[in-house]
Structure formats: C-alpha cells, structure tokens
Amino acid sequence: MKPMIKRVIITAGLEAIALSRIGRLLPKAAGRAVIFTLHHVRRYIDRPFDPNALLSITPDFLEAAIQEAMSQGYTPVALTDLPELLARQDDGKRYVAFTLDDGCRDNAEHAAPVFRKYDVPYTLFITKGFVERTHTMWWETAEALLREVDQFQFDFGEGTEIVACTSIKQKNATFLRIARFIESIDEDIAVNRLNQTAISHYIDPVKIIENEILNAAELKRLASDPLAHFGAHTVSHCCLTRIEAARLEREMTDCIEAIKNWTGKTPTSLAYPYGWKRACGAREANAALKAGLTIGVTTQPGILDKPARDEWMLLPRISLNGHYQKRRYVAALMSGIPFHLM
C-alpha cells in the first residue's frame, strides 16, 4: 500500500500546483534550466503487475513534455552545453536538456524520431556491460521472474525459502524484497543469485538485455544522428558507493573508452547508476573528474539555477515518470515549486 499512497500524494500535489498555476506567481522558483530523466520510451501496455512502470513513458507523453517546455520558452540544448550557457549573465533565457539512462533500444526506435521532429538534442547514458551482454538488469529479471511464476526458492540471507507470489500484492511485495536484498549484500553476488534463480525457471536474463538494450552496431548507427549525444553509465550499473576505489575508476574509464570506440565520440558526462544520495557523492564525483568527465547527473529531483563548480558533478534531474504522464504535471514540475516544498 505504501507505494500506492505515495503516488496518490504526489498526484494530488502535482494537480494542486498545475491547477493553481502558482508557478506564474513565483517565476524564480523555476531556476534557469531543467534536466529531464527518461528510461524506456515505448507504447503503453496495460499490465496488472508492472513494478517498473515508473521507468517507461509513451512517445506521445515525450512529445507532450517537449511541447510544454517549448511553450514555456525553454530552449532545448544538449546536456554538455549547459555549463557554458548558465555561465553567461542571466538574460532571462531558460534551457531544457533531455537525458535517457541505460541505452534502451526503444530510445532509438521511439524517442529519437520525436526528438528529431522538434530538433531537440538528447543524451543517452550507456552501460558498457549491457551493450556487451556481460551484465544484466536485475529489476527487469525480477519482473520477468515474478510475472511467470507463482512461487520460487530463494535465499535472502537466512537460508533457502519458498517464496509465494501468487497475487499481484504478493508479487509487488516480493519485488520490493528483492530490491532490498540487492542492496543488502555484495551486489554482484546478489544479482548472480537472482539470475540463477531466473534461469532455473527458464528465464534468460541475458536474453532480456539482448531484447531491450542497443548493441554496438546500433549505437554506431545512432551516432550518425547530429542530435544524439552519449554519456557514461559505468560498466556494470552497480552502486558506486559500495565498491572499492580501483573498481570505481575502472567502471568509469572502461565505459568511456568503449563509448568512444562505438560512437567515435568521447563522452564527457556521466549518469550515476541509481543516482540517489546513497549511490553517489563526493568520492564518486571526484573519480568522475579524474576520469575526464565534466558533468555528472543524479536522479535526485531539482532544477538548476547557476551551479557552483563542484555542483556540476552532482546535478539534479526531474524524472519523466511513467506514473504521471500528463502534460500539466510536466508544467508543475518545471515550475520548481515541488522541490521548494520538499
């Protein structure tokens, strides 16, 4: 019930801001720039059990978000152009940058045509291990497993148990339990344990990646689009605060080199996996700078005014969330009001 209650509260808040148009009374709350976060962009599928629904929006909603931003006078720019633009004297201009995490194939199939229609630059954050099919997306694996089975055996740390997941309520609760488990022990071990369980039920986690994520050849083709930009999203998509310094360096530098080889473009931006406060901080920002990156984005909500030098490595973004696909909600978020109330 907690996720449902949270969505109700957020929806009510967005509705109140949108209907009251309070943003017009407090224009300075909007700051000077907005960075949007996206993941999947694909046609809507109505599924009773859809734990990753927040990570998926429709092409129509993406188009509505672009239209809303432009109607408010925001100029779409590439993420990497923001430092220079915001360094200028405030002349009243506002900017919007669109970013897409993980390198999903639907970004090329459904999002890119929308961006091209409106001449909007976009940045894809690429995970090396996903492109090379050496790493998997545990949240997608967990969804596929829970969709297919009504019970399975799993060791959450206290010995193997039979996990019942017959109802939608049980499936949602189990998904959240798996998510907590991934954070509770070494992430590589936890993800491997989940993968082996999925395989035992004839679900191939690598096949999921092959179906969902762009491969090297597809990235090379997409790189010919002058609106397409590419950023690093590490090698394995692990929580960077939980790994040692040597691996932290490799997660960034190896990903940067791979993207350069695939696209012919050296990335200068990074999206931290997960992106919340416990997943990225000063150590990770310094490692990114050392790797030659100049911009780092989180998933922590907020708008940009004129970030200080060190803040460019831990920038906030606004999620275009699958649970809130209405144009007026985009307007409410861009007002900046929700983040002043947090």
Protein backbone atom coordinates (compact mmCIF):
# COMPACT_ATOMS: atom_id res chain seq x y z
CA MET A 1 0.00 0.00 0.00
CA LYS A 2 2.86 2.43 0.70
CA PRO A 3 3.84 2.94 -2.98
CA MET A 4 0.17 3.47 -3.85
CA ILE A 5 -0.27 6.02 -1.07
CA LYS A 6 2.88 7.81 -2.18
CA ARG A 7 1.60 8.02 -5.77
CA VAL A 8 -1.74 9.40 -4.58
CA ILE A 9 0.01 12.09 -2.55
CA ILE A 10 2.35 13.05 -5.41
CA THR A 11 -0.52 13.12 -7.90
CA ALA A 12 -2.56 15.36 -5.60
CA GLY A 13 0.39 17.71 -5.19
CA LEU A 14 1.03 17.95 -8.93
CA GLU A 15 -2.66 18.55 -9.59
CA ALA A 16 -2.77 21.31 -6.99
CA ILE A 17 0.27 23.08 -8.44
CA ALA A 18 -0.97 22.70 -12.01
CA LEU A 19 -4.50 23.90 -11.33
CA SER A 20 -3.46 26.80 -9.08
CA ARG A 21 -0.82 27.95 -11.59
CA ILE A 22 1.21 29.11 -8.61
CA GLY A 23 4.34 28.88 -10.75
CA ARG A 24 3.30 32.08 -12.54
CA LEU A 25 3.33 33.90 -9.20
CA LEU A 26 6.78 32.53 -8.29
CA PRO A 27 8.74 32.51 -11.59
CA LYS A 28 12.14 32.49 -9.89
CA ALA A 29 11.38 29.07 -8.38
CA ALA A 30 11.85 27.57 -11.86
CA GLY A 31 15.53 28.47 -11.98
CA ARG A 32 17.28 28.68 -15.34
CA ALA A 33 17.41 25.09 -16.55
CA VAL A 34 15.79 21.68 -16.25
CA ILE A 35 17.33 18.28 -16.94
CA PHE A 36 14.81 15.53 -17.60
CA THR A 37 15.48 11.84 -16.87
CA LEU A 38 13.95 9.11 -19.03
CA HIS A 39 14.48 5.38 -19.40
CA HIS A 40 12.14 3.44 -21.68
CA VAL A 41 10.07 5.23 -24.33
CA ARG A 42 7.57 2.77 -25.80
CA ARG A 43 3.93 2.11 -26.47
CA TYR A 44 1.73 1.70 -23.41
CA ILE A 45 0.92 -1.83 -22.29
CA ASP A 46 -1.68 -2.30 -19.57
CA ARG A 47 -0.29 -4.84 -17.09
CA PRO A 48 -1.73 -5.54 -13.63
CA PHE A 49 1.75 -6.39 -12.42
CA ASP A 50 4.18 -3.73 -13.64
CA PRO A 51 6.77 -2.88 -10.96
CA ASN A 52 8.96 -0.99 -13.44
CA ALA A 53 6.15 1.14 -14.84
CA LEU A 54 7.76 4.30 -13.47
CA LEU A 55 10.69 3.73 -15.87
CA SER A 56 8.57 3.75 -19.01
CA ILE A 57 6.76 6.59 -20.81
CA THR A 58 4.99 6.72 -24.15
CA PRO A 59 6.23 8.60 -27.23
CA ASP A 60 3.09 10.74 -27.01
CA PHE A 61 3.96 11.83 -23.48
CA LEU A 62 7.54 12.60 -24.52
CA GLU A 63 6.14 14.79 -27.30
CA ALA A 64 3.82 16.49 -24.81
CA ALA A 65 6.77 17.18 -22.47
CA ILE A 66 8.77 18.74 -25.31
CA GLN A 67 5.78 20.83 -26.36
CA GLU A 68 5.22 22.02 -22.79
CA ALA A 69 8.86 23.02 -22.33
CA MET A 70 8.97 24.91 -25.61
CA SER A 71 5.62 26.60 -24.95
CA GLN A 72 7.10 27.98 -21.74
CA GLY A 73 10.03 29.43 -23.64
CA TYR A 74 12.65 26.82 -22.73
CA THR A 75 15.34 26.26 -25.35
CA PRO A 76 16.25 22.57 -25.82
CA VAL A 77 20.02 22.08 -25.60
CA ALA A 78 22.49 19.25 -25.18
CA LEU A 79 23.37 18.46 -21.58
CA THR A 80 27.03 19.31 -22.17
CA ASP A 81 26.12 22.81 -23.40
CA LEU A 82 24.60 23.81 -20.07
CA PRO A 83 27.79 24.90 -18.25
CA GLU A 84 28.65 27.48 -20.89
CA LEU A 85 25.08 28.69 -21.22
CA LEU A 86 24.49 29.08 -17.49
CA ALA A 87 27.85 30.78 -17.01
CA ARG A 88 26.54 33.73 -19.01
CA GLN A 89 24.81 36.62 -17.35
CA ASP A 90 21.19 35.84 -16.59
CA ASP A 91 19.31 37.23 -19.56
CA GLY A 92 16.02 35.53 -18.76
CA LYS A 93 16.63 32.57 -21.09
CA ARG A 94 15.83 29.10 -19.82
CA TYR A 95 17.08 25.76 -21.07
CA VAL A 96 15.94 22.15 -21.05
CA ALA A 97 18.06 19.03 -21.59
CA PHE A 98 16.71 15.54 -22.17
CA THR A 99 18.68 12.51 -20.94
CA LEU A 100 17.91 8.79 -21.24
CA ASP A 101 19.53 6.18 -19.00
CA ASP A 102 20.64 2.61 -19.82
CA GLY A 103 20.71 2.74 -23.65
CA CYS A 104 17.34 1.11 -24.28
CA ARG A 105 16.63 0.06 -27.85
CA ASP A 106 13.26 1.81 -27.75
CA ASN A 107 15.14 5.10 -27.29
CA ALA A 108 16.31 4.75 -30.90
CA GLU A 109 13.02 3.33 -32.18
CA HIS A 110 10.50 5.61 -30.46
CA ALA A 111 12.25 8.51 -28.68
CA ALA A 112 14.76 9.59 -31.36
CA PRO A 113 12.06 10.26 -34.01
CA VAL A 114 10.24 12.54 -31.55
CA PHE A 115 13.44 14.43 -30.76
CA ARG A 116 14.15 14.80 -34.48
CA LYS A 117 10.63 16.10 -35.12
CA TYR A 118 11.27 19.01 -32.76
CA ASP A 119 15.04 19.35 -33.40
CA VAL A 120 15.80 18.53 -29.75
CA PRO A 121 19.26 17.28 -28.69
CA TYR A 122 19.28 14.24 -26.40
CA THR A 123 21.87 12.32 -24.39
CA LEU A 124 21.89 8.54 -23.97
CA PHE A 125 23.78 7.20 -20.96
CA ILE A 126 25.35 3.91 -21.95
CA THR A 127 26.28 0.95 -19.72
CA LYS A 128 29.18 -0.98 -21.25
CA GLY A 129 28.19 -4.31 -19.73
CA PHE A 130 24.66 -4.06 -21.11
CA VAL A 131 25.86 -3.35 -24.63
CA GLU A 132 28.34 -6.24 -24.45
CA ARG A 133 25.76 -8.55 -22.78
CA THR A 134 28.12 -9.26 -19.86
CA HIS A 135 25.86 -7.72 -17.23
CA THR A 136 22.13 -7.82 -16.63
CA MET A 137 19.37 -5.56 -15.34
CA TRP A 138 18.23 -7.14 -12.09
CA TRP A 139 14.98 -5.12 -11.97
CA GLU A 140 13.98 -6.47 -15.39
CA THR A 141 14.98 -10.00 -14.41
CA ALA A 142 12.94 -9.79 -11.20
CA GLU A 143 9.89 -8.55 -13.08
CA ALA A 144 10.15 -11.35 -15.66
CA LEU A 145 10.54 -13.99 -12.94
CA LEU A 146 7.61 -12.76 -10.87
CA ARG A 147 5.41 -12.44 -13.92
CA GLU A 148 5.99 -16.09 -14.85
CA VAL A 149 5.93 -17.97 -11.55
CA ASP A 150 3.67 -18.23 -8.52
CA GLN A 151 6.42 -19.43 -6.22
CA PHE A 152 10.17 -19.98 -6.26
CA GLN A 153 13.01 -20.91 -3.95
CA PHE A 154 15.44 -18.19 -2.93
CA ASP A 155 18.00 -17.40 -0.24
CA PHE A 156 17.57 -13.85 1.03
CA GLY A 157 20.39 -14.37 3.51
CA GLU A 158 18.86 -16.69 6.09
CA GLY A 159 18.74 -19.88 4.10
CA THR A 160 16.67 -21.08 1.17
CA GLU A 161 12.94 -20.49 1.50
CA ILE A 162 9.89 -20.93 -0.68
CA VAL A 163 8.64 -17.52 -1.78
CA ALA A 164 4.93 -17.36 -2.60
CA CYS A 165 3.92 -14.80 -5.20
CA THR A 166 0.50 -15.80 -6.45
CA SER A 167 -1.37 -12.50 -6.12
CA ILE A 168 -0.42 -9.12 -7.53
CA LYS A 169 0.03 -7.88 -3.97
CA GLN A 170 2.49 -10.70 -3.22
CA LYS A 171 4.37 -10.10 -6.46
CA ASN A 172 4.78 -6.40 -5.70
CA ALA A 173 5.91 -7.13 -2.16
CA THR A 174 8.41 -9.72 -3.39
CA PHE A 175 9.79 -7.32 -5.99
CA LEU A 176 10.46 -4.77 -3.23
CA ARG A 177 12.03 -7.51 -1.11
CA ILE A 178 14.37 -8.41 -3.98
CA ALA A 179 15.29 -4.75 -4.37
CA ARG A 180 16.20 -4.53 -0.69
CA PHE A 181 18.17 -7.75 -0.98
CA ILE A 182 20.25 -6.37 -3.87
CA GLU A 183 21.35 -3.56 -1.55
CA SER A 184 21.91 -5.78 1.47
CA ILE A 185 24.95 -7.79 0.29
CA ASP A 186 27.62 -7.59 -2.40
CA GLU A 187 25.64 -6.51 -5.46
CA ASP A 188 27.42 -8.85 -7.88
CA ILE A 189 26.64 -11.84 -5.67
CA ALA A 190 23.03 -10.78 -5.20
CA VAL A 191 22.43 -10.22 -8.91
CA ASN A 192 24.05 -13.55 -9.79
CA ARG A 193 21.83 -15.36 -7.27
CA LEU A 194 18.76 -13.77 -8.82
CA ASN A 195 19.98 -14.63 -12.33
CA GLN A 196 20.50 -18.28 -11.41
CA THR A 197 17.02 -18.46 -9.94
CA ALA A 198 15.55 -16.97 -13.11
CA ILE A 199 17.49 -19.41 -15.28
CA SER A 200 16.15 -22.32 -13.22
CA HIS A 201 12.68 -21.16 -14.29
CA TYR A 202 13.69 -20.90 -17.96
CA ILE A 203 14.05 -17.13 -17.91
CA ASP A 204 17.28 -15.90 -19.53
CA PRO A 205 18.49 -12.57 -18.03
CA VAL A 206 20.93 -12.05 -20.90
CA LYS A 207 18.13 -12.53 -23.43
CA ILE A 208 16.26 -9.73 -21.69
CA ILE A 209 19.26 -7.46 -22.25
CA GLU A 210 19.51 -8.53 -25.89
CA ASN A 211 15.85 -7.62 -26.39
CA GLU A 212 15.91 -4.32 -24.51
CA ILE A 213 19.35 -2.73 -24.97
CA LEU A 214 21.09 -1.29 -28.03
CA ASN A 215 24.08 -3.27 -29.27
CA ALA A 216 27.34 -1.80 -30.54
CA ALA A 217 26.26 -1.73 -34.19
CA GLU A 218 23.03 0.06 -33.30
CA LEU A 219 24.92 2.62 -31.23
CA LYS A 220 27.24 3.29 -34.15
CA ARG A 221 24.26 3.94 -36.42
CA LEU A 222 22.58 6.19 -33.86
CA ALA A 223 25.80 8.20 -33.52
CA SER A 224 25.25 9.49 -37.05
CA ASP A 225 22.28 11.50 -35.72
CA PRO A 226 23.64 15.02 -35.03
CA LEU A 227 21.14 15.40 -32.19
CA ALA A 228 22.39 12.28 -30.39
CA HIS A 229 24.93 12.63 -27.61
CA PHE A 230 26.36 9.91 -25.41
CA GLY A 231 27.37 9.77 -21.78
CA ALA A 232 28.83 7.11 -19.49
CA HIS A 233 26.66 4.97 -17.21
CA THR A 234 29.54 2.77 -15.97
CA VAL A 235 30.45 -0.80 -16.87
CA SER A 236 28.11 -2.80 -14.64
CA HIS A 237 25.46 -0.36 -13.37
CA CYS A 238 26.43 -1.13 -9.80
CA CYS A 239 26.00 1.16 -6.80
CA LEU A 240 29.30 3.05 -6.93
CA THR A 241 29.42 3.98 -3.25
CA ARG A 242 29.65 0.28 -2.36
CA ILE A 243 32.75 -0.61 -4.39
CA GLU A 244 36.46 -0.06 -3.81
CA ALA A 245 38.37 2.84 -5.39
CA ALA A 246 40.18 0.74 -8.00
CA ARG A 247 36.95 -0.70 -9.37
CA LEU A 248 35.29 2.71 -9.23
CA GLU A 249 37.96 4.03 -11.58
CA ARG A 250 37.55 1.11 -13.99
CA GLU A 251 33.76 1.43 -14.00
CA MET A 252 34.18 4.90 -15.45
CA THR A 253 37.29 4.74 -17.61
CA ASP A 254 36.42 1.43 -19.30
CA CYS A 255 32.94 2.70 -20.10
CA ILE A 256 34.29 5.95 -21.54
CA GLU A 257 36.71 4.09 -23.80
CA ALA A 258 34.03 1.69 -25.01
CA ILE A 259 31.62 4.51 -25.91
CA LYS A 260 34.41 6.28 -27.79
CA ASN A 261 35.08 3.10 -29.80
CA TRP A 262 31.38 2.52 -30.56
CA THR A 263 30.32 6.06 -31.43
CA GLY A 264 33.52 7.86 -32.35
CA LYS A 265 32.68 10.41 -29.66
CA THR A 266 34.41 10.71 -26.29
CA PRO A 267 31.77 11.17 -23.58
CA THR A 268 32.24 13.97 -21.05
CA SER A 269 29.11 13.33 -18.98
CA LEU A 270 28.11 10.62 -16.52
CA ALA A 271 24.84 9.40 -15.04
CA TYR A 272 25.46 7.66 -11.71
CA PRO A 273 23.68 4.28 -11.54
CA TYR A 274 20.59 4.55 -9.33
CA GLY A 275 21.51 8.18 -8.72
CA TRP A 276 20.05 8.61 -5.25
CA LYS A 277 22.09 10.12 -2.40
CA ARG A 278 23.36 6.82 -1.05
CA ALA A 279 24.54 5.84 -4.56
CA CYS A 280 26.73 8.85 -5.38
CA GLY A 281 28.61 11.52 -3.50
CA ALA A 282 31.87 13.45 -3.30
CA ARG A 283 34.10 10.39 -3.78
CA GLU A 284 32.27 9.35 -6.93
CA ALA A 285 32.22 12.92 -8.25
CA ASN A 286 35.97 13.22 -7.77
CA ALA A 287 36.52 9.90 -9.54
CA ALA A 288 34.45 11.16 -12.47
CA LEU A 289 36.52 14.33 -12.69
CA LYS A 290 39.70 12.28 -12.60
CA ALA A 291 38.37 10.16 -15.47
CA GLY A 292 38.00 13.30 -17.59
CA LEU A 293 34.26 13.81 -17.19
CA THR A 294 32.90 17.31 -16.65
CA ILE A 295 29.22 16.75 -15.83
CA GLY A 296 27.62 14.21 -13.52
CA VAL A 297 23.87 13.78 -13.12
CA THR A 298 21.93 12.10 -10.33
CA THR A 299 18.29 11.06 -10.03
CA GLN A 300 17.77 13.46 -7.14
CA PRO A 301 14.96 15.85 -8.07
CA GLY A 302 15.53 19.54 -8.62
CA ILE A 303 16.06 22.37 -11.09
CA LEU A 304 19.24 24.28 -11.99
CA ASP A 305 19.96 27.93 -11.37
CA LYS A 306 23.68 28.61 -11.61
CA PRO A 307 25.52 25.63 -10.10
CA ALA A 308 28.84 26.16 -8.37
CA ARG A 309 31.84 24.42 -9.90
CA ASP A 310 31.68 21.35 -7.67
CA GLU A 311 27.91 21.03 -8.14
CA TRP A 312 28.29 20.26 -11.85
CA MET A 313 29.33 16.73 -10.91
CA LEU A 314 26.17 16.02 -8.87
CA LEU A 315 23.37 17.71 -10.79
CA PRO A 316 19.69 17.05 -10.04
CA ARG A 317 17.26 15.85 -12.70
CA ILE A 318 13.49 15.70 -12.99
CA SER A 319 12.08 12.27 -13.81
CA LEU A 320 9.54 11.88 -16.59
CA ASN A 321 7.84 9.17 -14.60
CA GLY A 322 5.52 6.59 -16.10
CA HIS A 323 3.05 7.05 -13.24
CA TYR A 324 2.49 10.73 -14.02
CA GLN A 325 2.09 11.04 -17.79
CA LYS A 326 0.13 14.25 -18.12
CA ARG A 327 1.32 17.46 -19.71
CA ARG A 328 0.11 19.60 -16.81
CA TYR A 329 2.31 17.55 -14.47
CA VAL A 330 5.32 18.48 -16.60
CA ALA A 331 4.38 22.13 -16.17
CA ALA A 332 4.03 21.65 -12.41
CA LEU A 333 7.45 20.04 -12.17
CA MET A 334 9.15 22.67 -14.32
CA SER A 335 7.77 25.38 -12.05
CA GLY A 336 10.26 24.23 -9.42
CA ILE A 337 7.58 24.55 -6.75
CA PRO A 338 7.58 20.83 -5.76
CA PHE A 339 11.30 20.96 -4.97
CA HIS A 340 10.99 24.05 -2.80
CA LEU A 341 8.35 22.21 -0.77
CA MET A 342 10.44 19.07 -0.24
